[in-house]
Amino acid sequence: MFTPSPFKTLSNEGIDYVSVSPRPDSVFSAITLLEYVETWVDFNGKPCAAHVRLTPKGKYEKHRVLAKFRFTTFLSRDAWMEGLLKAAEETLRYNAEKKARNTGKEAKVGTIVYSTWGYEQTNVDFYEVVKVSGRRITLRELDQTRREDGFMSGLAMPMPGQYRSEEITKMAKFDGAGKLSFSIRHGWASEWDGSPKSYSSYA
């Protein structure tokens, strides 16, 4: 069961915790560095809690109440707080895995990525990495050759070095296999494997 850990002072890293309770005897419990739960008992003896996010860079408000509830039992309040902790732990784990995927990976000039997108038809775009600066990559969309193999559909191949767009700057991200994989314009770009990609244009 979750046990609240009261702060000796209502501050952490120089940021003040803001009370949203009408009672002076609230307990503050950290969820993340910038999120916490404030718990108290209302004037009718019901357990209450608020999930608050600090917004130190906010222009007008320095905190935002994400949720505020009055519970029927202390057990139900504890269960709700357990859920917040579990969600925070999953987010931290996901971010750590994401960081690990990108650590030590480098994009290379000349690498080609592709993106398929469209509604009622399949468009395919190819992009070539033309510049790399740390994690920042510069791409340009490529011309492509097309070969029909059906009614208004076929296979497309990129034409390296033959560009049809101005430069696009993105942050390099990688999938679990270490291949480039990131969002771009109409959808998601993946590192090209050298095979023709299907398209359709019947819509």
N, C-alpha and C. Protein backbone atom coordinates (compact mmCIF):
# COMPACT_ATOMS: atom_id res chain seq x y z
N MET A 1 0.84 -1.20 0.00
CA MET A 1 0.00 0.00 0.00
C MET A 1 0.88 1.24 0.00
N PHE A 2 0.46 2.25 -0.71
CA PHE A 2 1.21 3.49 -0.80
C PHE A 2 1.16 4.24 0.51
N THR A 3 2.34 4.63 1.02
CA THR A 3 2.42 5.41 2.25
C THR A 3 2.95 6.79 1.93
N PRO A 4 2.17 7.85 2.12
CA PRO A 4 2.64 9.20 1.82
C PRO A 4 3.89 9.54 2.61
N SER A 5 4.80 10.27 1.96
CA SER A 5 6.04 10.69 2.62
C SER A 5 6.03 12.21 2.71
N PRO A 6 5.68 12.77 3.86
CA PRO A 6 5.58 14.22 3.99
C PRO A 6 6.95 14.88 3.80
N PHE A 7 6.96 16.01 3.10
CA PHE A 7 8.16 16.79 2.97
C PHE A 7 8.36 17.60 4.25
N LYS A 8 9.60 17.70 4.70
CA LYS A 8 9.89 18.52 5.87
C LYS A 8 9.66 20.00 5.53
N THR A 9 10.01 20.36 4.30
CA THR A 9 9.70 21.70 3.79
C THR A 9 8.95 21.51 2.49
N LEU A 10 8.09 22.43 2.16
CA LEU A 10 7.29 22.28 0.96
C LEU A 10 8.03 22.83 -0.26
N SER A 11 9.26 22.39 -0.42
CA SER A 11 10.02 22.83 -1.59
C SER A 11 10.98 21.73 -1.99
N ASN A 12 11.36 21.73 -3.26
CA ASN A 12 12.29 20.76 -3.80
C ASN A 12 12.96 21.41 -5.01
N GLU A 13 14.29 21.44 -5.01
CA GLU A 13 15.02 22.10 -6.08
C GLU A 13 14.61 23.57 -6.20
N GLY A 14 14.25 24.19 -5.09
CA GLY A 14 13.91 25.60 -5.11
C GLY A 14 12.51 25.91 -5.61
N ILE A 15 11.71 24.87 -5.87
CA ILE A 15 10.35 25.08 -6.37
C ILE A 15 9.38 24.86 -5.22
N ASP A 16 8.50 25.79 -4.96
CA ASP A 16 7.54 25.68 -3.87
C ASP A 16 6.35 24.82 -4.27
N TYR A 17 5.96 23.94 -3.37
CA TYR A 17 4.75 23.15 -3.57
C TYR A 17 3.55 24.01 -3.21
N VAL A 18 2.55 23.98 -4.06
CA VAL A 18 1.38 24.83 -3.88
C VAL A 18 0.23 24.01 -3.31
N SER A 19 -0.36 24.45 -2.24
CA SER A 19 -1.48 23.74 -1.63
C SER A 19 -2.78 24.11 -2.35
N VAL A 20 -3.57 23.08 -2.69
CA VAL A 20 -4.87 23.32 -3.30
C VAL A 20 -5.99 22.86 -2.36
N SER A 21 -5.62 22.54 -1.11
CA SER A 21 -6.56 22.04 -0.12
C SER A 21 -7.04 23.18 0.78
N PRO A 22 -8.29 23.07 1.26
CA PRO A 22 -8.76 24.08 2.22
C PRO A 22 -8.26 23.81 3.64
N ARG A 23 -7.57 22.68 3.83
CA ARG A 23 -7.11 22.32 5.17
C ARG A 23 -5.61 22.64 5.32
N PRO A 24 -5.20 23.03 6.51
CA PRO A 24 -3.79 23.39 6.72
C PRO A 24 -2.89 22.20 7.00
N ASP A 25 -3.46 20.99 7.16
CA ASP A 25 -2.67 19.84 7.56
C ASP A 25 -2.48 18.84 6.42
N SER A 26 -2.37 19.31 5.19
CA SER A 26 -2.19 18.44 4.04
C SER A 26 -0.84 17.73 4.09
N VAL A 27 -0.80 16.59 3.39
CA VAL A 27 0.45 15.84 3.24
C VAL A 27 0.83 15.86 1.76
N PHE A 28 2.09 16.15 1.46
CA PHE A 28 2.57 16.19 0.08
C PHE A 28 3.43 14.96 -0.19
N SER A 29 3.17 14.30 -1.32
CA SER A 29 3.91 13.10 -1.68
C SER A 29 4.36 13.21 -3.13
N ALA A 30 5.66 13.06 -3.36
CA ALA A 30 6.21 13.23 -4.71
C ALA A 30 5.83 12.06 -5.60
N ILE A 31 5.48 12.37 -6.84
CA ILE A 31 5.26 11.36 -7.88
C ILE A 31 6.45 11.41 -8.83
N THR A 32 6.76 12.58 -9.34
CA THR A 32 7.98 12.83 -10.11
C THR A 32 8.55 14.14 -9.59
N LEU A 33 9.63 14.61 -10.22
CA LEU A 33 10.26 15.84 -9.77
C LEU A 33 9.29 17.02 -9.83
N LEU A 34 8.40 17.03 -10.84
CA LEU A 34 7.50 18.15 -11.03
C LEU A 34 6.04 17.78 -10.82
N GLU A 35 5.77 16.61 -10.29
CA GLU A 35 4.39 16.21 -10.01
C GLU A 35 4.29 15.67 -8.59
N TYR A 36 3.21 15.96 -7.94
CA TYR A 36 3.02 15.47 -6.58
C TYR A 36 1.54 15.30 -6.29
N VAL A 37 1.27 14.59 -5.20
CA VAL A 37 -0.10 14.40 -4.73
C VAL A 37 -0.23 15.08 -3.37
N GLU A 38 -1.29 15.83 -3.22
CA GLU A 38 -1.61 16.43 -1.93
C GLU A 38 -2.82 15.69 -1.36
N THR A 39 -2.71 15.22 -0.15
CA THR A 39 -3.81 14.49 0.48
C THR A 39 -4.27 15.20 1.74
N TRP A 40 -5.57 15.08 2.00
CA TRP A 40 -6.13 15.69 3.21
C TRP A 40 -7.47 15.02 3.52
N VAL A 41 -8.04 15.32 4.64
CA VAL A 41 -9.35 14.84 5.04
C VAL A 41 -10.27 16.06 5.13
N ASP A 42 -11.40 15.99 4.44
CA ASP A 42 -12.27 17.17 4.43
C ASP A 42 -13.04 17.30 5.76
N PHE A 43 -13.89 18.32 5.85
CA PHE A 43 -14.58 18.61 7.10
C PHE A 43 -15.63 17.56 7.46
N ASN A 44 -15.96 16.68 6.48
CA ASN A 44 -16.89 15.59 6.74
C ASN A 44 -16.17 14.26 7.01
N GLY A 45 -14.84 14.31 7.08
CA GLY A 45 -14.07 13.10 7.37
C GLY A 45 -13.78 12.25 6.15
N LYS A 46 -14.02 12.76 4.95
CA LYS A 46 -13.77 12.00 3.74
C LYS A 46 -12.35 12.25 3.23
N PRO A 47 -11.67 11.17 2.80
CA PRO A 47 -10.32 11.34 2.27
C PRO A 47 -10.35 12.02 0.90
N CYS A 48 -9.46 12.98 0.69
CA CYS A 48 -9.40 13.73 -0.57
C CYS A 48 -7.96 13.72 -1.07
N ALA A 49 -7.81 13.99 -2.36
CA ALA A 49 -6.48 14.06 -2.95
C ALA A 49 -6.52 14.90 -4.20
N ALA A 50 -5.39 15.52 -4.50
CA ALA A 50 -5.23 16.29 -5.73
C ALA A 50 -3.90 15.92 -6.37
N HIS A 51 -3.92 15.73 -7.68
CA HIS A 51 -2.72 15.46 -8.46
C HIS A 51 -2.32 16.78 -9.12
N VAL A 52 -1.16 17.27 -8.78
CA VAL A 52 -0.73 18.61 -9.20
C VAL A 52 0.58 18.53 -9.97
N ARG A 53 0.67 19.30 -11.03
CA ARG A 53 1.92 19.41 -11.80
C ARG A 53 2.45 20.83 -11.67
N LEU A 54 3.71 20.95 -11.28
CA LEU A 54 4.35 22.25 -11.20
C LEU A 54 4.71 22.74 -12.60
N THR A 55 4.49 23.99 -12.86
CA THR A 55 4.81 24.59 -14.16
C THR A 55 5.67 25.83 -13.92
N PRO A 56 6.93 25.63 -13.50
CA PRO A 56 7.78 26.76 -13.14
C PRO A 56 8.03 27.74 -14.28
N LYS A 57 7.88 27.26 -15.53
CA LYS A 57 8.10 28.15 -16.67
C LYS A 57 6.80 28.75 -17.19
N GLY A 58 5.71 28.48 -16.49
CA GLY A 58 4.42 29.02 -16.92
C GLY A 58 4.40 30.54 -16.83
N LYS A 59 3.75 31.17 -17.79
CA LYS A 59 3.72 32.62 -17.82
C LYS A 59 2.84 33.20 -16.73
N TYR A 60 1.70 32.53 -16.46
CA TYR A 60 0.75 33.08 -15.49
C TYR A 60 0.62 32.21 -14.24
N GLU A 61 0.57 30.89 -14.43
CA GLU A 61 0.40 29.99 -13.30
C GLU A 61 1.63 29.11 -13.13
N LYS A 62 2.00 28.84 -11.89
CA LYS A 62 3.16 28.02 -11.60
C LYS A 62 2.78 26.60 -11.23
N HIS A 63 1.50 26.28 -11.31
CA HIS A 63 1.06 24.92 -11.06
C HIS A 63 -0.25 24.69 -11.79
N ARG A 64 -0.55 23.41 -12.02
CA ARG A 64 -1.81 23.04 -12.68
C ARG A 64 -2.37 21.81 -12.00
N VAL A 65 -3.64 21.86 -11.61
CA VAL A 65 -4.30 20.72 -10.98
C VAL A 65 -4.76 19.76 -12.08
N LEU A 66 -4.18 18.58 -12.10
CA LEU A 66 -4.54 17.58 -13.11
C LEU A 66 -5.79 16.80 -12.73
N ALA A 67 -5.98 16.59 -11.43
CA ALA A 67 -7.15 15.86 -10.95
C ALA A 67 -7.35 16.17 -9.48
N LYS A 68 -8.60 16.15 -9.06
CA LYS A 68 -8.91 16.43 -7.65
C LYS A 68 -10.16 15.64 -7.30
N PHE A 69 -10.07 14.76 -6.28
CA PHE A 69 -11.16 13.86 -5.97
C PHE A 69 -11.43 13.81 -4.47
N ARG A 70 -12.67 13.45 -4.14
CA ARG A 70 -13.03 13.05 -2.78
C ARG A 70 -13.42 11.59 -2.85
N PHE A 71 -12.80 10.77 -2.01
CA PHE A 71 -12.98 9.32 -2.07
C PHE A 71 -13.92 8.84 -0.97
N THR A 72 -14.50 7.67 -1.20
CA THR A 72 -15.39 7.10 -0.19
C THR A 72 -14.62 6.43 0.93
N THR A 73 -13.41 5.90 0.60
CA THR A 73 -12.60 5.22 1.61
C THR A 73 -11.13 5.60 1.43
N PHE A 74 -10.35 5.40 2.47
CA PHE A 74 -8.91 5.64 2.38
C PHE A 74 -8.26 4.61 1.46
N LEU A 75 -8.81 3.39 1.41
CA LEU A 75 -8.25 2.37 0.54
C LEU A 75 -8.39 2.76 -0.93
N SER A 76 -9.54 3.32 -1.28
CA SER A 76 -9.73 3.72 -2.68
C SER A 76 -8.78 4.86 -3.03
N ARG A 77 -8.52 5.75 -2.09
CA ARG A 77 -7.57 6.82 -2.36
C ARG A 77 -6.16 6.27 -2.54
N ASP A 78 -5.78 5.30 -1.68
CA ASP A 78 -4.47 4.69 -1.81
C ASP A 78 -4.31 3.98 -3.16
N ALA A 79 -5.39 3.31 -3.60
CA ALA A 79 -5.34 2.61 -4.88
C ALA A 79 -5.14 3.59 -6.03
N TRP A 80 -5.81 4.73 -5.94
CA TRP A 80 -5.66 5.75 -6.98
C TRP A 80 -4.22 6.27 -7.02
N MET A 81 -3.63 6.48 -5.85
CA MET A 81 -2.26 6.96 -5.78
C MET A 81 -1.28 5.90 -6.29
N GLU A 82 -1.56 4.64 -6.01
CA GLU A 82 -0.73 3.55 -6.53
C GLU A 82 -0.74 3.57 -8.06
N GLY A 83 -1.92 3.85 -8.65
CA GLY A 83 -2.02 3.93 -10.09
C GLY A 83 -1.18 5.04 -10.67
N LEU A 84 -1.15 6.18 -10.00
CA LEU A 84 -0.31 7.30 -10.45
C LEU A 84 1.16 6.92 -10.41
N LEU A 85 1.57 6.25 -9.33
CA LEU A 85 2.97 5.83 -9.22
C LEU A 85 3.34 4.83 -10.31
N LYS A 86 2.45 3.88 -10.57
CA LYS A 86 2.73 2.88 -11.59
C LYS A 86 2.85 3.53 -12.97
N ALA A 87 1.96 4.47 -13.28
CA ALA A 87 2.02 5.16 -14.56
C ALA A 87 3.31 5.95 -14.70
N ALA A 88 3.73 6.60 -13.60
CA ALA A 88 4.97 7.38 -13.62
C ALA A 88 6.18 6.47 -13.85
N GLU A 89 6.17 5.31 -13.19
CA GLU A 89 7.28 4.36 -13.35
C GLU A 89 7.35 3.84 -14.78
N GLU A 90 6.19 3.56 -15.38
CA GLU A 90 6.17 3.08 -16.76
C GLU A 90 6.68 4.16 -17.72
N THR A 91 6.33 5.41 -17.45
CA THR A 91 6.81 6.50 -18.29
C THR A 91 8.32 6.65 -18.19
N LEU A 92 8.84 6.57 -16.96
CA LEU A 92 10.28 6.67 -16.76
C LEU A 92 11.02 5.52 -17.45
N ARG A 93 10.44 4.32 -17.36
CA ARG A 93 11.06 3.16 -18.01
C ARG A 93 11.07 3.32 -19.53
N TYR A 94 9.93 3.78 -20.07
CA TYR A 94 9.84 3.99 -21.53
C TYR A 94 10.86 5.02 -21.99
N ASN A 95 10.97 6.14 -21.25
CA ASN A 95 11.92 7.19 -21.63
C ASN A 95 13.36 6.70 -21.55
N ALA A 96 13.65 5.87 -20.53
CA ALA A 96 15.01 5.32 -20.40
C ALA A 96 15.33 4.39 -21.56
N GLU A 97 14.37 3.56 -21.96
CA GLU A 97 14.58 2.65 -23.09
C GLU A 97 14.75 3.44 -24.39
N LYS A 98 13.96 4.49 -24.52
CA LYS A 98 14.05 5.33 -25.72
C LYS A 98 15.42 6.00 -25.80
N LYS A 99 15.91 6.49 -24.65
CA LYS A 99 17.22 7.13 -24.62
C LYS A 99 18.32 6.13 -24.94
N ALA A 100 18.18 4.91 -24.43
CA ALA A 100 19.18 3.88 -24.68
C ALA A 100 19.23 3.52 -26.16
N ARG A 101 18.05 3.50 -26.82
CA ARG A 101 18.02 3.18 -28.25
C ARG A 101 18.80 4.20 -29.06
N ASN A 102 18.76 5.47 -28.63
CA ASN A 102 19.38 6.54 -29.41
C ASN A 102 20.83 6.81 -29.01
N THR A 103 21.25 6.29 -27.86
CA THR A 103 22.61 6.53 -27.39
C THR A 103 23.62 5.76 -28.24
N GLY A 104 24.64 6.46 -28.70
CA GLY A 104 25.69 5.81 -29.46
C GLY A 104 25.35 5.55 -30.92
N LYS A 105 24.15 5.90 -31.34
CA LYS A 105 23.75 5.71 -32.73
C LYS A 105 24.07 6.97 -33.53
N GLU A 106 24.49 6.79 -34.78
CA GLU A 106 24.80 7.92 -35.63
C GLU A 106 24.16 7.73 -36.99
N ALA A 107 23.54 8.79 -37.48
CA ALA A 107 23.03 8.76 -38.86
C ALA A 107 24.19 9.03 -39.81
N LYS A 108 24.07 8.56 -41.03
CA LYS A 108 25.13 8.74 -42.02
C LYS A 108 24.59 9.44 -43.25
N VAL A 109 25.41 10.34 -43.79
CA VAL A 109 25.06 11.01 -45.04
C VAL A 109 24.88 9.96 -46.12
N GLY A 110 23.83 10.09 -46.90
CA GLY A 110 23.55 9.14 -47.97
C GLY A 110 22.48 8.12 -47.61
N THR A 111 22.18 7.99 -46.32
CA THR A 111 21.13 7.06 -45.90
C THR A 111 19.79 7.54 -46.44
N ILE A 112 18.99 6.61 -46.92
CA ILE A 112 17.68 6.93 -47.47
C ILE A 112 16.59 6.38 -46.56
N VAL A 113 15.59 7.19 -46.30
CA VAL A 113 14.42 6.76 -45.54
C VAL A 113 13.20 6.93 -46.43
N TYR A 114 12.12 6.24 -46.07
CA TYR A 114 10.89 6.36 -46.85
C TYR A 114 9.70 6.48 -45.92
N SER A 115 8.63 7.04 -46.46
CA SER A 115 7.39 7.20 -45.71
C SER A 115 6.22 6.88 -46.62
N THR A 116 5.30 6.04 -46.15
CA THR A 116 4.08 5.76 -46.90
C THR A 116 2.90 6.37 -46.16
N TRP A 117 1.98 6.95 -46.92
CA TRP A 117 0.86 7.64 -46.30
C TRP A 117 -0.26 7.79 -47.33
N GLY A 118 -1.43 8.19 -46.84
CA GLY A 118 -2.55 8.46 -47.75
C GLY A 118 -3.84 7.83 -47.28
N TYR A 119 -4.93 8.35 -47.79
CA TYR A 119 -6.27 7.85 -47.49
C TYR A 119 -6.91 7.44 -48.81
N GLU A 120 -7.30 6.17 -48.92
CA GLU A 120 -7.87 5.59 -50.13
C GLU A 120 -6.85 5.44 -51.25
N GLN A 121 -5.60 5.78 -50.99
CA GLN A 121 -4.51 5.50 -51.90
C GLN A 121 -3.23 5.49 -51.08
N THR A 122 -2.18 4.90 -51.63
CA THR A 122 -0.92 4.80 -50.91
C THR A 122 0.14 5.63 -51.62
N ASN A 123 0.58 6.68 -50.96
CA ASN A 123 1.67 7.50 -51.47
C ASN A 123 2.96 7.05 -50.79
N VAL A 124 4.06 7.18 -51.50
CA VAL A 124 5.35 6.84 -50.93
C VAL A 124 6.33 7.97 -51.25
N ASP A 125 7.03 8.43 -50.23
CA ASP A 125 8.05 9.47 -50.38
C ASP A 125 9.39 8.92 -49.92
N PHE A 126 10.45 9.33 -50.60
CA PHE A 126 11.80 8.95 -50.22
C PHE A 126 12.60 10.21 -49.87
N TYR A 127 13.46 10.09 -48.85
CA TYR A 127 14.30 11.20 -48.43
C TYR A 127 15.73 10.71 -48.24
N GLU A 128 16.67 11.57 -48.59
CA GLU A 128 18.09 11.23 -48.42
C GLU A 128 18.71 12.14 -47.37
N VAL A 129 19.50 11.55 -46.49
CA VAL A 129 20.25 12.34 -45.50
C VAL A 129 21.40 13.03 -46.23
N VAL A 130 21.41 14.36 -46.20
CA VAL A 130 22.45 15.11 -46.91
C VAL A 130 23.43 15.79 -45.97
N LYS A 131 23.09 15.83 -44.68
CA LYS A 131 23.97 16.48 -43.72
C LYS A 131 23.69 15.93 -42.33
N VAL A 132 24.73 15.75 -41.54
CA VAL A 132 24.59 15.26 -40.16
C VAL A 132 25.39 16.17 -39.25
N SER A 133 24.75 16.65 -38.19
CA SER A 133 25.42 17.47 -37.18
C SER A 133 24.96 16.99 -35.81
N GLY A 134 25.74 16.08 -35.22
CA GLY A 134 25.33 15.48 -33.96
C GLY A 134 24.08 14.64 -34.16
N ARG A 135 23.04 14.93 -33.37
CA ARG A 135 21.76 14.22 -33.51
C ARG A 135 20.86 14.87 -34.57
N ARG A 136 21.27 16.01 -35.07
CA ARG A 136 20.44 16.72 -36.04
C ARG A 136 20.82 16.30 -37.46
N ILE A 137 19.80 15.92 -38.24
CA ILE A 137 20.05 15.51 -39.61
C ILE A 137 19.27 16.39 -40.57
N THR A 138 19.84 16.57 -41.75
CA THR A 138 19.19 17.36 -42.81
C THR A 138 18.87 16.42 -43.96
N LEU A 139 17.62 16.46 -44.42
CA LEU A 139 17.17 15.57 -45.49
C LEU A 139 16.62 16.38 -46.65
N ARG A 140 16.58 15.74 -47.82
CA ARG A 140 15.89 16.30 -48.98
C ARG A 140 15.08 15.18 -49.63
N GLU A 141 13.88 15.52 -50.07
CA GLU A 141 13.04 14.52 -50.73
C GLU A 141 13.62 14.20 -52.10
N LEU A 142 13.54 12.92 -52.46
CA LEU A 142 14.12 12.42 -53.70
C LEU A 142 13.07 12.24 -54.79
N ASP A 143 13.51 12.43 -56.04
CA ASP A 143 12.70 11.97 -57.16
C ASP A 143 12.66 10.44 -57.11
N GLN A 144 11.73 9.87 -57.85
CA GLN A 144 11.60 8.41 -57.82
C GLN A 144 11.17 7.89 -59.17
N THR A 145 11.50 6.66 -59.42
CA THR A 145 11.02 5.96 -60.61
C THR A 145 9.85 5.09 -60.21
N ARG A 146 8.91 4.93 -61.14
CA ARG A 146 7.73 4.12 -60.84
C ARG A 146 7.48 3.13 -61.96
N ARG A 147 7.08 1.95 -61.55
CA ARG A 147 6.74 0.90 -62.51
C ARG A 147 5.38 0.33 -62.14
N GLU A 148 4.42 0.51 -63.04
CA GLU A 148 3.08 -0.01 -62.75
C GLU A 148 3.07 -1.53 -62.86
N ASP A 149 2.40 -2.16 -61.90
CA ASP A 149 2.23 -3.61 -61.97
C ASP A 149 0.78 -3.99 -61.73
N GLY A 150 -0.11 -3.01 -61.82
CA GLY A 150 -1.55 -3.23 -61.66
C GLY A 150 -2.29 -1.97 -62.07
N PHE A 151 -3.59 -1.98 -61.86
CA PHE A 151 -4.40 -0.83 -62.25
C PHE A 151 -4.08 0.36 -61.33
N MET A 152 -3.39 1.37 -61.86
CA MET A 152 -3.03 2.58 -61.14
C MET A 152 -2.29 2.27 -59.83
N SER A 153 -1.47 1.27 -59.88
CA SER A 153 -0.65 0.90 -58.72
C SER A 153 0.64 0.30 -59.23
N GLY A 154 1.65 0.29 -58.38
CA GLY A 154 2.92 -0.26 -58.81
C GLY A 154 3.97 -0.17 -57.74
N LEU A 155 5.23 -0.12 -58.19
CA LEU A 155 6.37 -0.10 -57.28
C LEU A 155 7.22 1.13 -57.54
N ALA A 156 7.71 1.73 -56.48
CA ALA A 156 8.50 2.95 -56.58
C ALA A 156 9.90 2.70 -56.03
N MET A 157 10.88 3.37 -56.66
CA MET A 157 12.27 3.31 -56.20
C MET A 157 12.82 4.73 -56.14
N PRO A 158 13.66 5.03 -55.15
CA PRO A 158 14.22 6.37 -55.07
C PRO A 158 15.34 6.59 -56.09
N MET A 159 15.62 7.86 -56.36
CA MET A 159 16.71 8.23 -57.25
C MET A 159 17.72 9.06 -56.44
N PRO A 160 18.69 8.41 -55.83
CA PRO A 160 19.65 9.10 -54.95
C PRO A 160 20.32 10.28 -55.66
N GLY A 161 20.42 11.39 -54.95
CA GLY A 161 21.09 12.56 -55.50
C GLY A 161 20.23 13.44 -56.37
N GLN A 162 19.01 13.00 -56.68
CA GLN A 162 18.11 13.80 -57.51
C GLN A 162 16.95 14.27 -56.63
N TYR A 163 16.99 15.54 -56.28
CA TYR A 163 16.12 16.08 -55.24
C TYR A 163 14.93 16.84 -55.83
N ARG A 164 13.84 16.80 -55.06
CA ARG A 164 12.63 17.52 -55.48
C ARG A 164 12.13 18.49 -54.41
N SER A 165 12.91 18.69 -53.34
CA SER A 165 12.47 19.59 -52.27
C SER A 165 13.65 20.32 -51.66
N GLU A 166 13.33 21.33 -50.87
CA GLU A 166 14.34 22.01 -50.09
C GLU A 166 14.73 21.14 -48.89
N GLU A 167 15.68 21.60 -48.12
CA GLU A 167 16.16 20.82 -46.98
C GLU A 167 15.14 20.78 -45.85
N ILE A 168 15.10 19.65 -45.17
CA ILE A 168 14.26 19.45 -43.99
C ILE A 168 15.18 19.04 -42.84
N THR A 169 15.04 19.66 -41.71
CA THR A 169 15.88 19.32 -40.55
C THR A 169 15.06 18.55 -39.52
N LYS A 170 15.60 17.43 -39.07
CA LYS A 170 14.94 16.59 -38.07
C LYS A 170 15.97 16.13 -37.04
N MET A 171 15.45 15.63 -35.91
CA MET A 171 16.30 14.99 -34.92
C MET A 171 16.35 13.50 -35.22
N ALA A 172 17.55 12.95 -35.30
CA ALA A 172 17.70 11.53 -35.61
C ALA A 172 17.19 10.67 -34.46
N LYS A 173 16.30 9.73 -34.78
CA LYS A 173 15.83 8.76 -33.81
C LYS A 173 15.94 7.38 -34.44
N PHE A 174 16.07 6.37 -33.58
CA PHE A 174 16.35 5.03 -34.07
C PHE A 174 15.39 4.02 -33.45
N ASP A 175 15.12 2.95 -34.19
CA ASP A 175 14.27 1.89 -33.65
C ASP A 175 15.13 0.89 -32.89
N GLY A 176 14.51 -0.19 -32.43
CA GLY A 176 15.23 -1.18 -31.64
C GLY A 176 16.37 -1.87 -32.38
N ALA A 177 16.31 -1.85 -33.72
CA ALA A 177 17.37 -2.47 -34.52
C ALA A 177 18.46 -1.48 -34.89
N GLY A 178 18.34 -0.23 -34.40
CA GLY A 178 19.36 0.77 -34.69
C GLY A 178 19.17 1.46 -36.03
N LYS A 179 17.99 1.30 -36.64
CA LYS A 179 17.70 1.94 -37.92
C LYS A 179 16.97 3.27 -37.69
N LEU A 180 17.21 4.22 -38.58
CA LEU A 180 16.52 5.50 -38.49
C LEU A 180 15.01 5.30 -38.52
N SER A 181 14.32 6.01 -37.63
CA SER A 181 12.86 5.90 -37.55
C SER A 181 12.34 7.12 -36.81
N PHE A 182 11.59 7.99 -37.53
CA PHE A 182 11.14 9.25 -36.93
C PHE A 182 9.93 9.78 -37.70
N SER A 183 9.21 10.71 -37.08
CA SER A 183 8.05 11.31 -37.73
C SER A 183 8.50 12.31 -38.78
N ILE A 184 7.72 12.40 -39.86
CA ILE A 184 8.05 13.34 -40.93
C ILE A 184 6.79 13.69 -41.70
N ARG A 185 6.56 14.94 -41.92
CA ARG A 185 5.46 15.46 -42.72
C ARG A 185 4.16 14.70 -42.54
N HIS A 186 3.86 13.77 -43.48
CA HIS A 186 2.55 13.12 -43.48
C HIS A 186 2.48 11.86 -42.62
N GLY A 187 3.60 11.43 -42.06
CA GLY A 187 3.52 10.17 -41.31
C GLY A 187 4.83 9.84 -40.64
N TRP A 188 5.30 8.61 -40.85
CA TRP A 188 6.48 8.10 -40.16
C TRP A 188 7.51 7.63 -41.18
N ALA A 189 8.76 8.05 -40.98
CA ALA A 189 9.84 7.66 -41.89
C ALA A 189 10.63 6.50 -41.30
N SER A 190 10.94 5.53 -42.13
CA SER A 190 11.75 4.38 -41.72
C SER A 190 12.92 4.24 -42.68
N GLU A 191 14.00 3.68 -42.17
CA GLU A 191 15.18 3.52 -43.03
C GLU A 191 14.86 2.55 -44.17
N TRP A 192 15.20 2.95 -45.37
CA TRP A 192 14.90 2.16 -46.57
C TRP A 192 15.78 0.92 -46.62
N ASP A 193 15.17 -0.22 -46.95
CA ASP A 193 15.90 -1.49 -46.99
C ASP A 193 16.37 -1.87 -48.38
N GLY A 194 16.18 -0.97 -49.35
CA GLY A 194 16.65 -1.24 -50.71
C GLY A 194 15.63 -1.88 -51.63
N SER A 195 14.47 -2.26 -51.09
CA SER A 195 13.46 -2.92 -51.92
C SER A 195 12.45 -1.90 -52.45
N PRO A 196 11.81 -2.19 -53.60
CA PRO A 196 10.76 -1.29 -54.13
C PRO A 196 9.62 -1.17 -53.15
N LYS A 197 8.96 -0.03 -53.13
CA LYS A 197 7.85 0.21 -52.24
C LYS A 197 6.57 0.42 -53.04
N SER A 198 5.50 -0.18 -52.56
CA SER A 198 4.22 -0.15 -53.29
C SER A 198 3.56 1.21 -53.18
N TYR A 199 2.90 1.61 -54.27
CA TYR A 199 2.10 2.83 -54.27
C TYR A 199 0.81 2.55 -55.03
N SER A 200 -0.18 3.41 -54.82
CA SER A 200 -1.41 3.34 -55.61
C SER A 200 -1.90 4.78 -55.80
N SER A 201 -2.60 5.02 -56.90
CA SER A 201 -3.07 6.37 -57.20
C SER A 201 -4.44 6.36 -57.85
N TYR A 202 -5.31 5.47 -57.36
CA TYR A 202 -6.61 5.33 -57.98
C TYR A 202 -7.67 6.22 -57.34
N ALA A 203 -7.37 6.87 -56.21
CA ALA A 203 -8.39 7.68 -55.54
C ALA A 203 -8.65 8.97 -56.32
